[in-house]
C-alpha atoms as a PDB file:
ATOM      1  CA  MET A   1       0.031   0.189  -0.179  1.00  0.00           C
ATOM      2  CA  THR A   2       1.407   3.350  -0.585  1.00  0.00           C
ATOM      3  CA  ALA A   3       1.036   6.655   1.296  1.00  0.00           C
ATOM      4  CA  ASN A   4      -1.866   7.880  -0.890  1.00  0.00           C
ATOM      5  CA  SER A   5      -3.921   4.750  -1.176  1.00  0.00           C
ATOM      6  CA  ASN A   6      -7.357   5.277  -2.357  1.00  0.00           C
ATOM      7  CA  PHE A   7     -10.102   2.687  -1.533  1.00  0.00           C
ATOM      8  CA  ALA A   8     -13.019   4.470  -2.886  1.00  0.00           C
ATOM      9  CA  PRO A   9     -13.100   1.413  -5.803  1.00  0.00           C
ATOM     10  CA  LEU A  10     -13.344  -1.384  -3.560  1.00  0.00           C
ATOM     11  CA  PHE A  11     -16.391   0.703  -1.754  1.00  0.00           C
ATOM     12  CA  ARG A  12     -17.923   0.668  -5.353  1.00  0.00           C
ATOM     13  CA  SER A  13     -18.144  -3.075  -5.566  1.00  0.00           C
ATOM     14  CA  SER A  14     -18.390  -4.336  -1.895  1.00  0.00           C
ATOM     15  CA  VAL A  15     -21.438  -4.518   0.592  1.00  0.00           C
ATOM     16  CA  GLY A  16     -21.036  -4.791   4.295  1.00  0.00           C
ATOM     17  CA  PHE A  17     -16.628  -4.213   4.445  1.00  0.00           C
ATOM     18  CA  ASP A  18     -16.800  -0.943   5.702  1.00  0.00           C
ATOM     19  CA  ARG A  19     -15.691  -2.028   9.474  1.00  0.00           C
ATOM     20  CA  VAL A  20     -12.643  -3.320   7.090  1.00  0.00           C
ATOM     21  CA  PHE A  21     -11.775  -0.294   4.598  1.00  0.00           C
ATOM     22  CA  ASN A  22     -11.840   1.944   8.114  1.00  0.00           C
ATOM     23  CA  LEU A  23      -9.610  -0.229   9.582  1.00  0.00           C
ATOM     24  CA  LEU A  24      -7.280   0.014   6.690  1.00  0.00           C
ATOM     25  CA  GLU A  25      -7.583   3.868   6.684  1.00  0.00           C
ATOM     26  CA  ASN A  26      -6.736   3.910  10.157  1.00  0.00           C
ATOM     27  CA  ALA A  27      -3.640   2.091   9.663  1.00  0.00           C
ATOM     28  CA  GLN A  28      -2.349   3.921   6.830  1.00  0.00           C
ATOM     29  CA  ARG A  29      -2.888   6.914   9.019  1.00  0.00           C
ATOM     30  CA  ALA A  30      -1.416   5.620  12.274  1.00  0.00           C
ATOM     31  CA  ARG A  31       1.617   4.879  10.073  1.00  0.00           C
ATOM     32  CA  SER A  32       2.890   8.553   9.738  1.00  0.00           C
ATOM     33  CA  ILE A  33       2.036   9.199  13.661  1.00  0.00           C
ATOM     34  CA  SER A  34       5.582   8.181  15.902  1.00  0.00           C
ATOM     35  CA  ASP A  35       5.662   4.542  17.110  1.00  0.00           C
ATOM     36  CA  TRP A  36       7.072   6.006  20.242  1.00  0.00           C
ATOM     37  CA  PRO A  37       6.855   4.609  22.873  1.00  0.00           C
ATOM     38  CA  PRO A  38       8.016   0.991  21.407  1.00  0.00           C
ATOM     39  CA  TYR A  39       5.690  -1.734  22.028  1.00  0.00           C
ATOM     40  CA  ASP A  40       4.839  -5.376  21.192  1.00  0.00           C
ATOM     41  CA  ILE A  41       1.946  -7.288  20.518  1.00  0.00           C
ATOM     42  CA  ALA A  42       2.170 -11.176  21.432  1.00  0.00           C
ATOM     43  CA  LYS A  43       0.247 -13.849  20.944  1.00  0.00           C
ATOM     44  CA  THR A  44       0.271 -15.846  24.547  1.00  0.00           C
ATOM     45  CA  GLY A  45      -2.367 -18.904  24.336  1.00  0.00           C
ATOM     46  CA  GLU A  46      -4.763 -19.799  21.295  1.00  0.00           C
ATOM     47  CA  ASP A  47      -7.296 -16.733  22.319  1.00  0.00           C
ATOM     48  CA  THR A  48      -4.887 -14.794  24.342  1.00  0.00           C
ATOM     49  CA  TYR A  49      -2.601 -12.288  23.599  1.00  0.00           C
ATOM     50  CA  ARG A  50      -0.798  -9.408  25.658  1.00  0.00           C
ATOM     51  CA  ILE A  51       0.620  -6.218  24.351  1.00  0.00           C
ATOM     52  CA  THR A  52       3.038  -4.581  26.151  1.00  0.00           C
ATOM     53  CA  VAL A  53       4.049  -0.719  25.881  1.00  0.00           C
ATOM     54  CA  ALA A  54       7.652   0.723  26.953  1.00  0.00           C
ATOM     55  CA  VAL A  55       6.678   3.357  29.221  1.00  0.00           C
ATOM     56  CA  ALA A  56       9.862   4.254  31.263  1.00  0.00           C
ATOM     57  CA  GLY A  57       9.331   6.936  33.501  1.00  0.00           C
ATOM     58  CA  PHE A  58       5.741   6.719  33.315  1.00  0.00           C
ATOM     59  CA  SER A  59       3.600   6.353  36.862  1.00  0.00           C
ATOM     60  CA  GLN A  60       0.596   4.728  36.843  1.00  0.00           C
ATOM     61  CA  ASP A  61      -1.284   8.142  37.565  1.00  0.00           C
ATOM     62  CA  ASP A  62       0.419   9.381  34.203  1.00  0.00           C
ATOM     63  CA  LEU A  63      -1.450   6.584  31.817  1.00  0.00           C
ATOM     64  CA  ASP A  64      -4.821   6.171  30.587  1.00  0.00           C
ATOM     65  CA  LEU A  65      -6.601   2.795  29.310  1.00  0.00           C
ATOM     66  CA  THR A  66      -9.672   3.268  27.421  1.00  0.00           C
ATOM     67  CA  TYR A  67     -12.128   0.689  25.712  1.00  0.00           C
ATOM     68  CA  GLN A  68     -14.441   1.553  23.682  1.00  0.00           C
ATOM     69  CA  SER A  69     -16.277   0.110  20.708  1.00  0.00           C
ATOM     70  CA  ASN A  70     -13.303  -2.295  19.763  1.00  0.00           C
ATOM     71  CA  LEU A  71     -10.723   0.975  20.115  1.00  0.00           C
ATOM     72  CA  LEU A  72      -8.098   0.743  22.615  1.00  0.00           C
ATOM     73  CA  THR A  73      -6.448   3.530  23.686  1.00  0.00           C
ATOM     74  CA  ILE A  74      -3.609   4.320  25.743  1.00  0.00           C
ATOM     75  CA  ILE A  75      -2.293   8.063  26.653  1.00  0.00           C
ATOM     76  CA  GLY A  76       0.444   8.527  28.582  1.00  0.00           C
ATOM     77  CA  LYS A  77       0.647  12.523  30.199  1.00  0.00           C
ATOM     78  CA  LYS A  78       3.804  13.195  32.287  1.00  0.00           C
ATOM     79  CA  GLU A  79       3.687  16.967  34.381  1.00  0.00           C
ATOM     80  CA  GLU A  80       7.664  18.057  33.689  1.00  0.00           C
ATOM     81  CA  ALA A  81       9.038  18.881  36.950  1.00  0.00           C
ATOM     82  CA  GLN A  82      12.085  20.773  35.519  1.00  0.00           C
ATOM     83  CA  GLN A  83      14.419  20.160  38.539  1.00  0.00           C
ATOM     84  CA  SER A  84      17.725  19.260  37.080  1.00  0.00           C
ATOM     85  CA  GLU A  85      19.511  20.814  33.946  1.00  0.00           C
ATOM     86  CA  TYR A  86      19.756  18.038  31.574  1.00  0.00           C
ATOM     87  CA  LEU A  87      23.398  18.122  29.858  1.00  0.00           C
ATOM     88  CA  HIS A  88      21.780  14.437  27.704  1.00  0.00           C
ATOM     89  CA  ARG A  89      17.549  13.667  27.624  1.00  0.00           C
ATOM     90  CA  GLY A  90      17.497  10.311  26.225  1.00  0.00           C
ATOM     91  CA  ILE A  91      14.711   9.135  28.484  1.00  0.00           C
ATOM     92  CA  ALA A  92      11.571  10.757  26.619  1.00  0.00           C
ATOM     93  CA  GLY A  93       8.861  11.983  28.751  1.00  0.00           C
ATOM     94  CA  ARG A  94       6.446  13.190  25.891  1.00  0.00           C
ATOM     95  CA  PRO A  95       3.136  13.032  25.700  1.00  0.00           C
ATOM     96  CA  PHE A  96       1.928  10.455  23.388  1.00  0.00           C
ATOM     97  CA  GLU A  97      -1.346   8.127  22.410  1.00  0.00           C
ATOM     98  CA  HIS A  98      -1.910   4.424  21.012  1.00  0.00           C
ATOM     99  CA  ARG A  99      -5.006   2.752  19.499  1.00  0.00           C
ATOM    100  CA  PHE A 100      -5.259  -0.631  18.691  1.00  0.00           C
ATOM    101  CA  GLU A 101      -8.008  -1.796  16.892  1.00  0.00           C
ATOM    102  CA  LEU A 102      -9.495  -5.228  18.316  1.00  0.00           C
ATOM    103  CA  ALA A 103     -11.393  -7.674  16.301  1.00  0.00           C
ATOM    104  CA  ASP A 104     -15.004  -8.822  17.640  1.00  0.00           C
ATOM    105  CA  HIS A 105     -15.046 -10.932  21.010  1.00  0.00           C
ATOM    106  CA  VAL A 106     -11.619  -9.565  22.032  1.00  0.00           C
ATOM    107  CA  ARG A 107     -11.672  -7.463  25.289  1.00  0.00           C
ATOM    108  CA  VAL A 108      -9.304  -6.193  27.683  1.00  0.00           C
ATOM    109  CA  VAL A 109      -9.091  -8.502  31.046  1.00  0.00           C
ATOM    110  CA  GLY A 110      -6.371  -6.421  33.064  1.00  0.00           C
ATOM    111  CA  ALA A 111      -3.296  -4.346  32.715  1.00  0.00           C
ATOM    112  CA  GLY A 112      -0.623  -3.793  34.915  1.00  0.00           C
ATOM    113  CA  LEU A 113       2.642  -1.619  35.215  1.00  0.00           C
ATOM    114  CA  GLU A 114       6.114  -3.046  36.188  1.00  0.00           C
ATOM    115  CA  ASN A 115      10.062  -2.226  35.958  1.00  0.00           C
ATOM    116  CA  GLY A 116       8.382   0.267  33.197  1.00  0.00           C
ATOM    117  CA  LEU A 117       6.860  -1.785  31.065  1.00  0.00           C
ATOM    118  CA  LEU A 118       2.648  -1.551  30.949  1.00  0.00           C
ATOM    119  CA  SER A 119       1.331  -5.140  29.862  1.00  0.00           C
ATOM    120  CA  ILE A 120      -2.156  -5.524  28.776  1.00  0.00           C
ATOM    121  CA  GLU A 121      -4.204  -8.768  28.661  1.00  0.00           C
ATOM    122  CA  LEU A 122      -6.580  -9.473  26.271  1.00  0.00           C
ATOM    123  CA  ILE A 123      -8.739 -12.380  25.548  1.00  0.00           C
ATOM    124  CA  ARG A 124     -11.062 -13.286  22.691  1.00  0.00           C
ATOM    125  CA  GLU A 125     -14.103 -14.790  23.611  1.00  0.00           C
ATOM    126  CA  VAL A 126     -16.460 -16.168  20.703  1.00  0.00           C
ATOM    127  CA  PRO A 127     -20.395 -16.845  22.612  1.00  0.00           C
ATOM    128  CA  GLU A 128     -21.386 -19.938  22.128  1.00  0.00           C
ATOM    129  CA  ALA A 129     -24.432 -18.651  19.506  1.00  0.00           C
ATOM    130  CA  MET A 130     -21.632 -17.878  16.571  1.00  0.00           C
ATOM    131  CA  LYS A 131     -18.905 -20.582  17.368  1.00  0.00           C
ATOM    132  CA  PRO A 132     -18.969 -23.373  15.143  1.00  0.00           C
ATOM    133  CA  ARG A 133     -21.792 -26.426  15.793  1.00  0.00           C
ATOM    134  CA  LYS A 134     -22.043 -29.995  14.346  1.00  0.00           C
ATOM    135  CA  ILE A 135     -25.539 -30.092  12.031  1.00  0.00           C
ATOM    136  CA  SER A 136     -26.656 -34.280  12.551  1.00  0.00           C
ATOM    137  CA  ILE A 137     -28.294 -35.141   9.948  1.00  0.00           C
ATOM    138  CA  GLY A 138     -31.614 -36.566  10.715  1.00  0.00           C
ATOM    139  CA  THR A 139     -34.216 -38.853   9.125  1.00  0.00           C
ATOM    140  CA  GLU A 140     -37.798 -37.669   6.989  1.00  0.00           C
ATOM    141  CA  LYS A 141     -39.203 -37.958  10.491  1.00  0.00           C
ATOM    142  CA  THR A 142     -36.679 -35.572  12.121  1.00  0.00           C
ATOM    143  CA  VAL A 143     -37.342 -32.884   9.051  1.00  0.00           C
ATOM    144  CA  SER A 144     -41.247 -33.336   9.385  1.00  0.00           C
ATOM    145  CA  VAL A 145     -40.669 -32.218  12.737  1.00  0.00           C
ATOM    146  CA  SER A 146     -38.689 -29.441  12.061  1.00  0.00           C
ATOM    147  CA  LYS A 147     -40.902 -28.094  10.012  1.00  0.00           C
ATOM    148  CA  GLU A 148     -43.842 -28.262  11.986  1.00  0.00           C
ATOM    149  CA  LEU A 149     -41.780 -25.893  14.620  1.00  0.00           C
ATOM    150  CA  GLU A 150     -41.281 -23.603  11.987  1.00  0.00           C
ATOM    151  CA  LYS A 151     -44.830 -22.803  11.262  1.00  0.00           C
ATOM    152  CA  PRO A 152     -46.361 -19.088  12.666  1.00  0.00           C
ATOM    153  CA  LYS A 153     -48.502 -19.373  15.670  1.00  0.00           C
ATOM    154  CA  HIS A 154     -51.610 -18.054  13.665  1.00  0.00           C
ATOM    155  CA  GLN A 155     -51.377 -21.284  11.608  1.00  0.00           C
ATOM    156  CA  GLU A 156     -51.764 -23.977  14.522  1.00  0.00           C
ATOM    157  CA  ALA A 157     -54.702 -22.501  15.490  1.00  0.00           C
ATOM    158  CA  ALA A 158     -56.662 -23.159  12.189  1.00  0.00           C
END
């Protein structure tokens, strides 16, 4: 994908993929924003994930995590105390914002801050109704019972 990707032709020939195109556009926009502070995304199990963000110098009070509508936002704001004159400043304390688009049914289950690393635990929980299920093939009698169950209530009284 180039920096000037245009998804308009795809919109003309597809239906119901709005969220996918929004994800692509957001990812493209995010590439142009700084990747500071660095982060890792790891798959820790079949349905579990961890996002780890290097937030050296930030305290728990300097960080804000928000999860809403499949979007996880991490904001770091730090009050700068000018107590020292730096000869070299290599540990950045500037404000940042990271946004992570999460797939359907992925939710945040916890977060922790230890040794300058913010860890966010995620889990994918697909509802039972949406999981694949085995359909048994029945006899003609089973099919006729199914048809009786499908009849509208007003036909049963007749």
